[in-house]
Amino acid sequence: MLSKKEKKENRNKLREKWVKENPEKMYKMSRVCNLKKRGIKITYEEYEKILKEQRSCCKICGVNEEELKFNLCVDHNHENGEIRGLLCNLCNKLLGNAKDDIDILESAIDYLQKVTKIVSI
């Protein structure tokens, strides 16, 4: 019979082997764990389902995750924690800087449309 120490060593070896064989899954699982620490409630399976539904693309700009330096961010409602989708870092920051305020975003669109008309004259 194995001692506690030997059992622990065996578990650690199995875990290390799995991590080496599944680096992508490990990264995403650790990401989900970090999200949970920040109060975002999502499982690895839910993350994978959303990723598949969005074809691994940002829900706003459509850039594919493979083209990005980082994985897609989990966008969520800061008031109720509801997950809205996966976004690239730039689109996630866009919403964050606008404080998720539709009026600010519409004002930015109006501004860009007016500036574009002035420049094109």
PDB file of N, CA and C in Angstrom:
ATOM      1  N   MET A   1       0.840  -1.188   0.000  1.00  0.00           N
ATOM      2  CA  MET A   1       0.000   0.000   0.000  1.00  0.00           C
ATOM      3  C   MET A   1       0.884   1.250   0.000  1.00  0.00           C
ATOM      4  N   LEU A   2       0.474   2.243  -0.761  1.00  0.00           N
ATOM      5  CA  LEU A   2       1.251   3.474  -0.871  1.00  0.00           C
ATOM      6  C   LEU A   2       1.013   4.390   0.319  1.00  0.00           C
ATOM      7  N   SER A   3       2.054   5.090   0.685  1.00  0.00           N
ATOM      8  CA  SER A   3       1.926   6.080   1.760  1.00  0.00           C
ATOM      9  C   SER A   3       1.254   7.337   1.204  1.00  0.00           C
ATOM     10  N   LYS A   4       0.849   8.227   2.104  1.00  0.00           N
ATOM     11  CA  LYS A   4       0.250   9.499   1.674  1.00  0.00           C
ATOM     12  C   LYS A   4       1.201  10.260   0.759  1.00  0.00           C
ATOM     13  N   LYS A   5       2.449  10.270   1.140  1.00  0.00           N
ATOM     14  CA  LYS A   5       3.463  10.995   0.377  1.00  0.00           C
ATOM     15  C   LYS A   5       3.598  10.408  -1.035  1.00  0.00           C
ATOM     16  N   GLU A   6       3.608   9.082  -1.144  1.00  0.00           N
ATOM     17  CA  GLU A   6       3.730   8.435  -2.448  1.00  0.00           C
ATOM     18  C   GLU A   6       2.498   8.694  -3.318  1.00  0.00           C
ATOM     19  N   LYS A   7       1.322   8.657  -2.701  1.00  0.00           N
ATOM     20  CA  LYS A   7       0.084   8.955  -3.433  1.00  0.00           C
ATOM     21  C   LYS A   7       0.114  10.378  -3.982  1.00  0.00           C
ATOM     22  N   LYS A   8       0.568  11.305  -3.152  1.00  0.00           N
ATOM     23  CA  LYS A   8       0.650  12.701  -3.567  1.00  0.00           C
ATOM     24  C   LYS A   8       1.635  12.851  -4.723  1.00  0.00           C
ATOM     25  N   GLU A   9       2.780  12.191  -4.627  1.00  0.00           N
ATOM     26  CA  GLU A   9       3.777  12.254  -5.702  1.00  0.00           C
ATOM     27  C   GLU A   9       3.212  11.688  -7.008  1.00  0.00           C
ATOM     28  N   ASN A  10       2.468  10.575  -6.915  1.00  0.00           N
ATOM     29  CA  ASN A  10       1.849   9.989  -8.105  1.00  0.00           C
ATOM     30  C   ASN A  10       0.831  10.937  -8.737  1.00  0.00           C
ATOM     31  N   ARG A  11       0.013  11.565  -7.894  1.00  0.00           N
ATOM     32  CA  ARG A  11      -0.967  12.535  -8.403  1.00  0.00           C
ATOM     33  C   ARG A  11      -0.265  13.695  -9.101  1.00  0.00           C
ATOM     34  N   ASN A  12       0.803  14.186  -8.476  1.00  0.00           N
ATOM     35  CA  ASN A  12       1.550  15.296  -9.071  1.00  0.00           C
ATOM     36  C   ASN A  12       2.159  14.914 -10.417  1.00  0.00           C
ATOM     37  N   LYS A  13       2.684  13.685 -10.524  1.00  0.00           N
ATOM     38  CA  LYS A  13       3.256  13.219 -11.792  1.00  0.00           C
ATOM     39  C   LYS A  13       2.183  13.127 -12.870  1.00  0.00           C
ATOM     40  N   LEU A  14       1.005  12.597 -12.497  1.00  0.00           N
ATOM     41  CA  LEU A  14      -0.100  12.505 -13.451  1.00  0.00           C
ATOM     42  C   LEU A  14      -0.556  13.895 -13.892  1.00  0.00           C
ATOM     43  N   ARG A  15      -0.637  14.816 -12.938  1.00  0.00           N
ATOM     44  CA  ARG A  15      -1.042  16.188 -13.247  1.00  0.00           C
ATOM     45  C   ARG A  15      -0.029  16.842 -14.180  1.00  0.00           C
ATOM     46  N   GLU A  16       1.254  16.691 -13.885  1.00  0.00           N
ATOM     47  CA  GLU A  16       2.306  17.277 -14.731  1.00  0.00           C
ATOM     48  C   GLU A  16       2.241  16.707 -16.143  1.00  0.00           C
ATOM     49  N   LYS A  17       2.008  15.391 -16.253  1.00  0.00           N
ATOM     50  CA  LYS A  17       1.904  14.746 -17.562  1.00  0.00           C
ATOM     51  C   LYS A  17       0.716  15.325 -18.329  1.00  0.00           C
ATOM     52  N   TRP A  18      -0.436  15.453 -17.654  1.00  0.00           N
ATOM     53  CA  TRP A  18      -1.637  15.983 -18.308  1.00  0.00           C
ATOM     54  C   TRP A  18      -1.396  17.414 -18.782  1.00  0.00           C
ATOM     55  N   VAL A  19      -0.763  18.235 -17.944  1.00  0.00           N
ATOM     56  CA  VAL A  19      -0.487  19.628 -18.300  1.00  0.00           C
ATOM     57  C   VAL A  19       0.408  19.699 -19.535  1.00  0.00           C
ATOM     58  N   LYS A  20       1.429  18.844 -19.588  1.00  0.00           N
ATOM     59  CA  LYS A  20       2.326  18.835 -20.758  1.00  0.00           C
ATOM     60  C   LYS A  20       1.602  18.392 -22.016  1.00  0.00           C
ATOM     61  N   GLU A  21       0.666  17.459 -21.879  1.00  0.00           N
ATOM     62  CA  GLU A  21      -0.064  16.936 -23.034  1.00  0.00           C
ATOM     63  C   GLU A  21      -1.225  17.837 -23.453  1.00  0.00           C
ATOM     64  N   ASN A  22      -1.677  18.709 -22.565  1.00  0.00           N
ATOM     65  CA  ASN A  22      -2.849  19.553 -22.825  1.00  0.00           C
ATOM     66  C   ASN A  22      -2.587  21.019 -22.477  1.00  0.00           C
ATOM     67  N   PRO A  23      -1.573  21.649 -23.061  1.00  0.00           N
ATOM     68  CA  PRO A  23      -1.237  23.026 -22.665  1.00  0.00           C
ATOM     69  C   PRO A  23      -2.353  24.028 -22.930  1.00  0.00           C
ATOM     70  N   GLU A  24      -3.087  23.847 -24.056  1.00  0.00           N
ATOM     71  CA  GLU A  24      -4.160  24.789 -24.373  1.00  0.00           C
ATOM     72  C   GLU A  24      -5.308  24.686 -23.374  1.00  0.00           C
ATOM     73  N   LYS A  25      -5.700  23.447 -23.053  1.00  0.00           N
ATOM     74  CA  LYS A  25      -6.772  23.244 -22.082  1.00  0.00           C
ATOM     75  C   LYS A  25      -6.350  23.783 -20.719  1.00  0.00           C
ATOM     76  N   MET A  26      -5.104  23.545 -20.356  1.00  0.00           N
ATOM     77  CA  MET A  26      -4.617  24.017 -19.058  1.00  0.00           C
ATOM     78  C   MET A  26      -4.660  25.535 -18.988  1.00  0.00           C
ATOM     79  N   TYR A  27      -4.251  26.180 -20.082  1.00  0.00           N
ATOM     80  CA  TYR A  27      -4.264  27.641 -20.098  1.00  0.00           C
ATOM     81  C   TYR A  27      -5.683  28.168 -19.921  1.00  0.00           C
ATOM     82  N   LYS A  28      -6.630  27.577 -20.667  1.00  0.00           N
ATOM     83  CA  LYS A  28      -8.013  28.045 -20.585  1.00  0.00           C
ATOM     84  C   LYS A  28      -8.628  27.739 -19.223  1.00  0.00           C
ATOM     85  N   MET A  29      -8.286  26.577 -18.661  1.00  0.00           N
ATOM     86  CA  MET A  29      -8.804  26.236 -17.329  1.00  0.00           C
ATOM     87  C   MET A  29      -8.256  27.197 -16.277  1.00  0.00           C
ATOM     88  N   SER A  30      -6.981  27.547 -16.390  1.00  0.00           N
ATOM     89  CA  SER A  30      -6.408  28.492 -15.420  1.00  0.00           C
ATOM     90  C   SER A  30      -7.032  29.870 -15.612  1.00  0.00           C
ATOM     91  N   ARG A  31      -7.350  30.204 -16.857  1.00  0.00           N
ATOM     92  CA  ARG A  31      -8.021  31.476 -17.143  1.00  0.00           C
ATOM     93  C   ARG A  31      -9.391  31.515 -16.479  1.00  0.00           C
ATOM     94  N   VAL A  32     -10.154  30.430 -16.598  1.00  0.00           N
ATOM     95  CA  VAL A  32     -11.469  30.343 -15.970  1.00  0.00           C
ATOM     96  C   VAL A  32     -11.333  30.463 -14.460  1.00  0.00           C
ATOM     97  N   CYS A  33     -10.305  29.829 -13.908  1.00  0.00           N
ATOM     98  CA  CYS A  33     -10.066  29.909 -12.461  1.00  0.00           C
ATOM     99  C   CYS A  33      -9.801  31.358 -12.051  1.00  0.00           C
ATOM    100  N   ASN A  34      -9.002  32.078 -12.839  1.00  0.00           N
ATOM    101  CA  ASN A  34      -8.719  33.490 -12.547  1.00  0.00           C
ATOM    102  C   ASN A  34      -9.970  34.347 -12.658  1.00  0.00           C
ATOM    103  N   LEU A  35     -10.835  34.032 -13.616  1.00  0.00           N
ATOM    104  CA  LEU A  35     -12.091  34.769 -13.765  1.00  0.00           C
ATOM    105  C   LEU A  35     -12.971  34.569 -12.537  1.00  0.00           C
ATOM    106  N   LYS A  36     -13.018  33.342 -12.046  1.00  0.00           N
ATOM    107  CA  LYS A  36     -13.832  33.052 -10.863  1.00  0.00           C
ATOM    108  C   LYS A  36     -13.331  33.834  -9.654  1.00  0.00           C
ATOM    109  N   LYS A  37     -12.024  33.979  -9.551  1.00  0.00           N
ATOM    110  CA  LYS A  37     -11.452  34.754  -8.442  1.00  0.00           C
ATOM    111  C   LYS A  37     -11.910  36.208  -8.505  1.00  0.00           C
ATOM    112  N   ARG A  38     -12.176  36.704  -9.725  1.00  0.00           N
ATOM    113  CA  ARG A  38     -12.638  38.084  -9.904  1.00  0.00           C
ATOM    114  C   ARG A  38     -14.155  38.188  -9.866  1.00  0.00           C
ATOM    115  N   GLY A  39     -14.840  37.078  -9.569  1.00  0.00           N
ATOM    116  CA  GLY A  39     -16.285  37.103  -9.429  1.00  0.00           C
ATOM    117  C   GLY A  39     -17.073  36.838 -10.695  1.00  0.00           C
ATOM    118  N   ILE A  40     -16.395  36.436 -11.772  1.00  0.00           N
ATOM    119  CA  ILE A  40     -17.086  36.119 -13.023  1.00  0.00           C
ATOM    120  C   ILE A  40     -17.374  34.622 -13.015  1.00  0.00           C
ATOM    121  N   LYS A  41     -18.647  34.281 -13.013  1.00  0.00           N
ATOM    122  CA  LYS A  41     -19.046  32.881 -12.875  1.00  0.00           C
ATOM    123  C   LYS A  41     -19.170  32.217 -14.237  1.00  0.00           C
ATOM    124  N   ILE A  42     -18.160  31.405 -14.579  1.00  0.00           N
ATOM    125  CA  ILE A  42     -18.171  30.671 -15.842  1.00  0.00           C
ATOM    126  C   ILE A  42     -17.363  29.391 -15.647  1.00  0.00           C
ATOM    127  N   THR A  43     -17.851  28.306 -16.246  1.00  0.00           N
ATOM    128  CA  THR A  43     -17.111  27.054 -16.203  1.00  0.00           C
ATOM    129  C   THR A  43     -16.282  26.937 -17.483  1.00  0.00           C
ATOM    130  N   TYR A  44     -15.356  26.013 -17.478  1.00  0.00           N
ATOM    131  CA  TYR A  44     -14.540  25.764 -18.657  1.00  0.00           C
ATOM    132  C   TYR A  44     -15.439  25.358 -19.829  1.00  0.00           C
ATOM    133  N   GLU A  45     -16.446  24.519 -19.536  1.00  0.00           N
ATOM    134  CA  GLU A  45     -17.362  24.049 -20.571  1.00  0.00           C
ATOM    135  C   GLU A  45     -18.168  25.210 -21.155  1.00  0.00           C
ATOM    136  N   GLU A  46     -18.619  26.139 -20.313  1.00  0.00           N
ATOM    137  CA  GLU A  46     -19.370  27.307 -20.791  1.00  0.00           C
ATOM    138  C   GLU A  46     -18.482  28.189 -21.665  1.00  0.00           C
ATOM    139  N   TYR A  47     -17.241  28.388 -21.230  1.00  0.00           N
ATOM    140  CA  TYR A  47     -16.292  29.184 -22.006  1.00  0.00           C
ATOM    141  C   TYR A  47     -16.101  28.559 -23.393  1.00  0.00           C
ATOM    142  N   GLU A  48     -15.877  27.246 -23.418  1.00  0.00           N
ATOM    143  CA  GLU A  48     -15.676  26.541 -24.686  1.00  0.00           C
ATOM    144  C   GLU A  48     -16.919  26.623 -25.576  1.00  0.00           C
ATOM    145  N   LYS A  49     -18.100  26.525 -24.988  1.00  0.00           N
ATOM    146  CA  LYS A  49     -19.357  26.601 -25.748  1.00  0.00           C
ATOM    147  C   LYS A  49     -19.500  27.977 -26.405  1.00  0.00           C
ATOM    148  N   ILE A  50     -19.244  29.033 -25.630  1.00  0.00           N
ATOM    149  CA  ILE A  50     -19.338  30.396 -26.178  1.00  0.00           C
ATOM    150  C   ILE A  50     -18.298  30.593 -27.273  1.00  0.00           C
ATOM    151  N   LEU A  51     -17.084  30.102 -27.028  1.00  0.00           N
ATOM    152  CA  LEU A  51     -16.000  30.214 -28.005  1.00  0.00           C
ATOM    153  C   LEU A  51     -16.405  29.546 -29.321  1.00  0.00           C
ATOM    154  N   LYS A  52     -17.000  28.361 -29.210  1.00  0.00           N
ATOM    155  CA  LYS A  52     -17.453  27.635 -30.407  1.00  0.00           C
ATOM    156  C   LYS A  52     -18.587  28.379 -31.109  1.00  0.00           C
ATOM    157  N   GLU A  53     -19.566  28.875 -30.338  1.00  0.00           N
ATOM    158  CA  GLU A  53     -20.700  29.621 -30.915  1.00  0.00           C
ATOM    159  C   GLU A  53     -20.225  30.855 -31.673  1.00  0.00           C
ATOM    160  N   GLN A  54     -19.184  31.495 -31.156  1.00  0.00           N
ATOM    161  CA  GLN A  54     -18.649  32.711 -31.797  1.00  0.00           C
ATOM    162  C   GLN A  54     -17.569  32.388 -32.820  1.00  0.00           C
ATOM    163  N   ARG A  55     -17.354  31.107 -33.087  1.00  0.00           N
ATOM    164  CA  ARG A  55     -16.330  30.655 -34.045  1.00  0.00           C
ATOM    165  C   ARG A  55     -14.956  31.220 -33.694  1.00  0.00           C
ATOM    166  N   SER A  56     -14.673  31.309 -32.399  1.00  0.00           N
ATOM    167  CA  SER A  56     -13.391  31.805 -31.874  1.00  0.00           C
ATOM    168  C   SER A  56     -13.108  33.249 -32.283  1.00  0.00           C
ATOM    169  N   CYS A  57     -14.181  34.027 -32.507  1.00  0.00           N
ATOM    170  CA  CYS A  57     -14.029  35.415 -32.938  1.00  0.00           C
ATOM    171  C   CYS A  57     -14.629  36.385 -31.925  1.00  0.00           C
ATOM    172  N   CYS A  58     -14.068  37.587 -31.898  1.00  0.00           N
ATOM    173  CA  CYS A  58     -14.596  38.661 -31.063  1.00  0.00           C
ATOM    174  C   CYS A  58     -16.026  38.965 -31.498  1.00  0.00           C
ATOM    175  N   LYS A  59     -16.910  39.115 -30.530  1.00  0.00           N
ATOM    176  CA  LYS A  59     -18.323  39.345 -30.828  1.00  0.00           C
ATOM    177  C   LYS A  59     -18.576  40.731 -31.425  1.00  0.00           C
ATOM    178  N   ILE A  60     -17.638  41.668 -31.245  1.00  0.00           N
ATOM    179  CA  ILE A  60     -17.825  43.019 -31.789  1.00  0.00           C
ATOM    180  C   ILE A  60     -17.124  43.188 -33.140  1.00  0.00           C
ATOM    181  N   CYS A  61     -15.820  42.994 -33.175  1.00  0.00           N
ATOM    182  CA  CYS A  61     -15.075  43.288 -34.411  1.00  0.00           C
ATOM    183  C   CYS A  61     -14.848  42.070 -35.300  1.00  0.00           C
ATOM    184  N   GLY A  62     -15.037  40.872 -34.758  1.00  0.00           N
ATOM    185  CA  GLY A  62     -14.924  39.666 -35.566  1.00  0.00           C
ATOM    186  C   GLY A  62     -13.526  39.100 -35.739  1.00  0.00           C
ATOM    187  N   VAL A  63     -12.522  39.705 -35.115  1.00  0.00           N
ATOM    188  CA  VAL A  63     -11.161  39.186 -35.251  1.00  0.00           C
ATOM    189  C   VAL A  63     -11.096  37.787 -34.624  1.00  0.00           C
ATOM    190  N   ASN A  64     -10.384  36.879 -35.295  1.00  0.00           N
ATOM    191  CA  ASN A  64     -10.245  35.513 -34.803  1.00  0.00           C
ATOM    192  C   ASN A  64      -9.198  35.458 -33.697  1.00  0.00           C
ATOM    193  N   GLU A  65      -9.469  34.638 -32.691  1.00  0.00           N
ATOM    194  CA  GLU A  65      -8.572  34.520 -31.534  1.00  0.00           C
ATOM    195  C   GLU A  65      -7.153  34.127 -31.942  1.00  0.00           C
ATOM    196  N   GLU A  66      -7.016  33.354 -33.033  1.00  0.00           N
ATOM    197  CA  GLU A  66      -5.687  32.919 -33.487  1.00  0.00           C
ATOM    198  C   GLU A  66      -4.828  34.097 -33.943  1.00  0.00           C
ATOM    199  N   GLU A  67      -5.458  35.194 -34.328  1.00  0.00           N
ATOM    200  CA  GLU A  67      -4.732  36.375 -34.783  1.00  0.00           C
ATOM    201  C   GLU A  67      -4.287  37.265 -33.619  1.00  0.00           C
ATOM    202  N   LEU A  68      -4.758  36.948 -32.424  1.00  0.00           N
ATOM    203  CA  LEU A  68      -4.497  37.793 -31.257  1.00  0.00           C
ATOM    204  C   LEU A  68      -3.334  37.287 -30.428  1.00  0.00           C
ATOM    205  N   LYS A  69      -2.728  38.201 -29.712  1.00  0.00           N
ATOM    206  CA  LYS A  69      -1.643  37.842 -28.795  1.00  0.00           C
ATOM    207  C   LYS A  69      -2.214  37.147 -27.554  1.00  0.00           C
ATOM    208  N   PHE A  70      -3.433  37.547 -27.147  1.00  0.00           N
ATOM    209  CA  PHE A  70      -4.074  36.994 -25.959  1.00  0.00           C
ATOM    210  C   PHE A  70      -5.394  36.334 -26.329  1.00  0.00           C
ATOM    211  N   ASN A  71      -5.876  35.469 -25.447  1.00  0.00           N
ATOM    212  CA  ASN A  71      -7.202  34.867 -25.642  1.00  0.00           C
ATOM    213  C   ASN A  71      -8.273  35.940 -25.549  1.00  0.00           C
ATOM    214  N   LEU A  72      -9.455  35.615 -26.055  1.00  0.00           N
ATOM    215  CA  LEU A  72     -10.588  36.527 -25.961  1.00  0.00           C
ATOM    216  C   LEU A  72     -10.981  36.736 -24.505  1.00  0.00           C
ATOM    217  N   CYS A  73     -11.424  37.943 -24.189  1.00  0.00           N
ATOM    218  CA  CYS A  73     -11.853  38.308 -22.833  1.00  0.00           C
ATOM    219  C   CYS A  73     -13.318  37.907 -22.638  1.00  0.00           C
ATOM    220  N   VAL A  74     -13.654  37.545 -21.415  1.00  0.00           N
ATOM    221  CA  VAL A  74     -15.057  37.255 -21.086  1.00  0.00           C
ATOM    222  C   VAL A  74     -15.715  38.574 -20.708  1.00  0.00           C
ATOM    223  N   ASP A  75     -16.613  39.051 -21.573  1.00  0.00           N
ATOM    224  CA  ASP A  75     -17.340  40.298 -21.310  1.00  0.00           C
ATOM    225  C   ASP A  75     -18.551  39.972 -20.460  1.00  0.00           C
ATOM    226  N   HIS A  76     -18.752  40.771 -19.417  1.00  0.00           N
ATOM    227  CA  HIS A  76     -19.879  40.518 -18.518  1.00  0.00           C
ATOM    228  C   HIS A  76     -20.471  41.824 -18.014  1.00  0.00           C
ATOM    229  N   ASN A  77     -21.726  41.752 -17.619  1.00  0.00           N
ATOM    230  CA  ASN A  77     -22.425  42.877 -17.025  1.00  0.00           C
ATOM    231  C   ASN A  77     -21.896  43.049 -15.599  1.00  0.00           C
ATOM    232  N   HIS A  78     -21.362  44.218 -15.298  1.00  0.00           N
ATOM    233  CA  HIS A  78     -20.753  44.438 -13.982  1.00  0.00           C
ATOM    234  C   HIS A  78     -21.770  44.553 -12.858  1.00  0.00           C
ATOM    235  N   GLU A  79     -23.031  44.773 -13.215  1.00  0.00           N
ATOM    236  CA  GLU A  79     -24.065  44.888 -12.185  1.00  0.00           C
ATOM    237  C   GLU A  79     -24.618  43.536 -11.759  1.00  0.00           C
ATOM    238  N   ASN A  80     -24.879  42.648 -12.742  1.00  0.00           N
ATOM    239  CA  ASN A  80     -25.488  41.363 -12.383  1.00  0.00           C
ATOM    240  C   ASN A  80     -24.608  40.149 -12.683  1.00  0.00           C
ATOM    241  N   GLY A  81     -23.428  40.376 -13.267  1.00  0.00           N
ATOM    242  CA  GLY A  81     -22.497  39.285 -13.543  1.00  0.00           C
ATOM    243  C   GLY A  81     -22.820  38.458 -14.774  1.00  0.00           C
ATOM    244  N   GLU A  82     -23.900  38.794 -15.481  1.00  0.00           N
ATOM    245  CA  GLU A  82     -24.301  38.027 -16.662  1.00  0.00           C
ATOM    246  C   GLU A  82     -23.234  38.123 -17.748  1.00  0.00           C
ATOM    247  N   ILE A  83     -22.891  36.980 -18.319  1.00  0.00           N
ATOM    248  CA  ILE A  83     -21.883  36.936 -19.375  1.00  0.00           C
ATOM    249  C   ILE A  83     -22.541  37.298 -20.699  1.00  0.00           C
ATOM    250  N   ARG A  84     -21.912  38.262 -21.413  1.00  0.00           N
ATOM    251  CA  ARG A  84     -22.490  38.746 -22.668  1.00  0.00           C
ATOM    252  C   ARG A  84     -21.809  38.131 -23.886  1.00  0.00           C
ATOM    253  N   GLY A  85     -20.564  37.738 -23.742  1.00  0.00           N
ATOM    254  CA  GLY A  85     -19.846  37.157 -24.869  1.00  0.00           C
ATOM    255  C   GLY A  85     -18.350  37.266 -24.675  1.00  0.00           C
ATOM    256  N   LEU A  86     -17.615  36.898 -25.716  1.00  0.00           N
ATOM    257  CA  LEU A  86     -16.157  36.969 -25.696  1.00  0.00           C
ATOM    258  C   LEU A  86     -15.709  38.076 -26.645  1.00  0.00           C
ATOM    259  N   LEU A  87     -14.792  38.906 -26.158  1.00  0.00           N
ATOM    260  CA  LEU A  87     -14.312  40.050 -26.926  1.00  0.00           C
ATOM    261  C   LEU A  87     -12.796  40.057 -26.986  1.00  0.00           C
ATOM    262  N   CYS A  88     -12.257  40.658 -28.049  1.00  0.00           N
ATOM    263  CA  CYS A  88     -10.814  40.880 -28.077  1.00  0.00           C
ATOM    264  C   CYS A  88     -10.496  41.958 -27.038  1.00  0.00           C
ATOM    265  N   ASN A  89      -9.248  42.062 -26.695  1.00  0.00           N
ATOM    266  CA  ASN A  89      -8.829  43.007 -25.662  1.00  0.00           C
ATOM    267  C   ASN A  89      -9.206  44.446 -26.018  1.00  0.00           C
ATOM    268  N   LEU A  90      -9.030  44.817 -27.283  1.00  0.00           N
ATOM    269  CA  LEU A  90      -9.339  46.197 -27.698  1.00  0.00           C
ATOM    270  C   LEU A  90     -10.828  46.514 -27.559  1.00  0.00           C
ATOM    271  N   CYS A  91     -11.685  45.595 -27.994  1.00  0.00           N
ATOM    272  CA  CYS A  91     -13.134  45.839 -27.881  1.00  0.00           C
ATOM    273  C   CYS A  91     -13.576  45.816 -26.421  1.00  0.00           C
ATOM    274  N   ASN A  92     -12.959  44.959 -25.626  1.00  0.00           N
ATOM    275  CA  ASN A  92     -13.283  44.914 -24.203  1.00  0.00           C
ATOM    276  C   ASN A  92     -12.918  46.246 -23.533  1.00  0.00           C
ATOM    277  N   LYS A  93     -11.750  46.786 -23.889  1.00  0.00           N
ATOM    278  CA  LYS A  93     -11.333  48.082 -23.337  1.00  0.00           C
ATOM    279  C   LYS A  93     -12.227  49.212 -23.848  1.00  0.00           C
ATOM    280  N   LEU A  94     -12.661  49.102 -25.105  1.00  0.00           N
ATOM    281  CA  LEU A  94     -13.576  50.098 -25.674  1.00  0.00           C
ATOM    282  C   LEU A  94     -14.829  50.216 -24.800  1.00  0.00           C
ATOM    283  N   LEU A  95     -15.437  49.077 -24.495  1.00  0.00           N
ATOM    284  CA  LEU A  95     -16.643  49.094 -23.653  1.00  0.00           C
ATOM    285  C   LEU A  95     -16.321  49.588 -22.242  1.00  0.00           C
ATOM    286  N   GLY A  96     -15.189  49.150 -21.716  1.00  0.00           N
ATOM    287  CA  GLY A  96     -14.800  49.571 -20.369  1.00  0.00           C
ATOM    288  C   GLY A  96     -14.558  51.064 -20.284  1.00  0.00           C
ATOM    289  N   ASN A  97     -13.860  51.614 -21.281  1.00  0.00           N
ATOM    290  CA  ASN A  97     -13.591  53.058 -21.282  1.00  0.00           C
ATOM    291  C   ASN A  97     -14.866  53.872 -21.456  1.00  0.00           C
ATOM    292  N   ALA A  98     -15.851  53.295 -22.153  1.00  0.00           N
ATOM    293  CA  ALA A  98     -17.140  53.974 -22.325  1.00  0.00           C
ATOM    294  C   ALA A  98     -18.082  53.661 -21.160  1.00  0.00           C
ATOM    295  N   LYS A  99     -17.579  52.925 -20.193  1.00  0.00           N
ATOM    296  CA  LYS A  99     -18.364  52.556 -18.995  1.00  0.00           C
ATOM    297  C   LYS A  99     -19.650  51.815 -19.372  1.00  0.00           C
ATOM    298  N   ASP A 100     -19.592  51.041 -20.457  1.00  0.00           N
ATOM    299  CA  ASP A 100     -20.748  50.291 -20.960  1.00  0.00           C
ATOM    300  C   ASP A 100     -21.962  51.193 -21.205  1.00  0.00           C
ATOM    301  N   ASP A 101     -21.711  52.465 -21.454  1.00  0.00           N
ATOM    302  CA  ASP A 101     -22.786  53.454 -21.629  1.00  0.00           C
ATOM    303  C   ASP A 101     -23.099  53.620 -23.120  1.00  0.00           C
ATOM    304  N   ILE A 102     -24.281  53.202 -23.509  1.00  0.00           N
ATOM    305  CA  ILE A 102     -24.701  53.263 -24.913  1.00  0.00           C
ATOM    306  C   ILE A 102     -24.683  54.702 -25.432  1.00  0.00           C
ATOM    307  N   ASP A 103     -25.059  55.669 -24.592  1.00  0.00           N
ATOM    308  CA  ASP A 103     -25.059  57.077 -25.019  1.00  0.00           C
ATOM    309  C   ASP A 103     -23.654  57.540 -25.402  1.00  0.00           C
ATOM    310  N   ILE A 104     -22.657  57.137 -24.616  1.00  0.00           N
ATOM    311  CA  ILE A 104     -21.269  57.498 -24.932  1.00  0.00           C
ATOM    312  C   ILE A 104     -20.847  56.853 -26.252  1.00  0.00           C
ATOM    313  N   LEU A 105     -21.189  55.591 -26.440  1.00  0.00           N
ATOM    314  CA  LEU A 105     -20.812  54.897 -27.671  1.00  0.00           C
ATOM    315  C   LEU A 105     -21.515  55.497 -28.881  1.00  0.00           C
ATOM    316  N   GLU A 106     -22.799  55.845 -28.750  1.00  0.00           N
ATOM    317  CA  GLU A 106     -23.522  56.488 -29.853  1.00  0.00           C
ATOM    318  C   GLU A 106     -22.938  57.860 -30.159  1.00  0.00           C
ATOM    319  N   SER A 107     -22.542  58.578 -29.131  1.00  0.00           N
ATOM    320  CA  SER A 107     -21.919  59.886 -29.317  1.00  0.00           C
ATOM    321  C   SER A 107     -20.594  59.742 -30.067  1.00  0.00           C
ATOM    322  N   ALA A 108     -19.854  58.692 -29.751  1.00  0.00           N
ATOM    323  CA  ALA A 108     -18.582  58.441 -30.444  1.00  0.00           C
ATOM    324  C   ALA A 108     -18.842  58.125 -31.918  1.00  0.00           C
ATOM    325  N   ILE A 109     -19.881  57.351 -32.198  1.00  0.00           N
ATOM    326  CA  ILE A 109     -20.237  57.033 -33.595  1.00  0.00           C
ATOM    327  C   ILE A 109     -20.631  58.308 -34.337  1.00  0.00           C
ATOM    328  N   ASP A 110     -21.472  59.131 -33.713  1.00  0.00           N
ATOM    329  CA  ASP A 110     -21.869  60.401 -34.332  1.00  0.00           C
ATOM    330  C   ASP A 110     -20.650  61.260 -34.635  1.00  0.00           C
ATOM    331  N   TYR A 111     -19.749  61.339 -33.685  1.00  0.00           N
ATOM    332  CA  TYR A 111     -18.521  62.126 -33.848  1.00  0.00           C
ATOM    333  C   TYR A 111     -17.723  61.626 -35.053  1.00  0.00           C
ATOM    334  N   LEU A 112     -17.509  60.316 -35.111  1.00  0.00           N
ATOM    335  CA  LEU A 112     -16.728  59.757 -36.215  1.00  0.00           C
ATOM    336  C   LEU A 112     -17.407  60.001 -37.567  1.00  0.00           C
ATOM    337  N   GLN A 113     -18.725  59.879 -37.600  1.00  0.00           N
ATOM    338  CA  GLN A 113     -19.444  60.117 -38.851  1.00  0.00           C
ATOM    339  C   GLN A 113     -19.316  61.571 -39.286  1.00  0.00           C
ATOM    340  N   LYS A 114     -19.409  62.508 -38.357  1.00  0.00           N
ATOM    341  CA  LYS A 114     -19.295  63.931 -38.690  1.00  0.00           C
ATOM    342  C   LYS A 114     -17.874  64.271 -39.135  1.00  0.00           C
ATOM    343  N   VAL A 115     -16.889  63.760 -38.426  1.00  0.00           N
ATOM    344  CA  VAL A 115     -15.485  64.030 -38.767  1.00  0.00           C
ATOM    345  C   VAL A 115     -15.162  63.438 -40.135  1.00  0.00           C
ATOM    346  N   THR A 116     -15.668  62.248 -40.411  1.00  0.00           N
ATOM    347  CA  THR A 116     -15.412  61.623 -41.709  1.00  0.00           C
ATOM    348  C   THR A 116     -16.005  62.458 -42.835  1.00  0.00           C
ATOM    349  N   LYS A 117     -17.209  63.012 -42.635  1.00  0.00           N
ATOM    350  CA  LYS A 117     -17.838  63.855 -43.668  1.00  0.00           C
ATOM    351  C   LYS A 117     -17.032  65.124 -43.895  1.00  0.00           C
ATOM    352  N   ILE A 118     -16.524  65.732 -42.805  1.00  0.00           N
ATOM    353  CA  ILE A 118     -15.740  66.964 -42.924  1.00  0.00           C
ATOM    354  C   ILE A 118     -14.435  66.696 -43.657  1.00  0.00           C
ATOM    355  N   VAL A 119     -13.780  65.592 -43.337  1.00  0.00           N
ATOM    356  CA  VAL A 119     -12.491  65.254 -43.943  1.00  0.00           C
ATOM    357  C   VAL A 119     -12.652  64.923 -45.435  1.00  0.00           C
ATOM    358  N   SER A 120     -13.746  64.254 -45.788  1.00  0.00           N
ATOM    359  CA  SER A 120     -13.910  63.814 -47.176  1.00  0.00           C
ATOM    360  C   SER A 120     -14.320  64.931 -48.129  1.00  0.00           C
ATOM    361  N   ILE A 121     -14.649  66.131 -47.620  1.00  0.00           N
ATOM    362  CA  ILE A 121     -15.085  67.251 -48.474  1.00  0.00           C
ATOM    363  C   ILE A 121     -13.921  67.865 -49.201  1.00  0.00           C
TER     364      ILE A 121
END
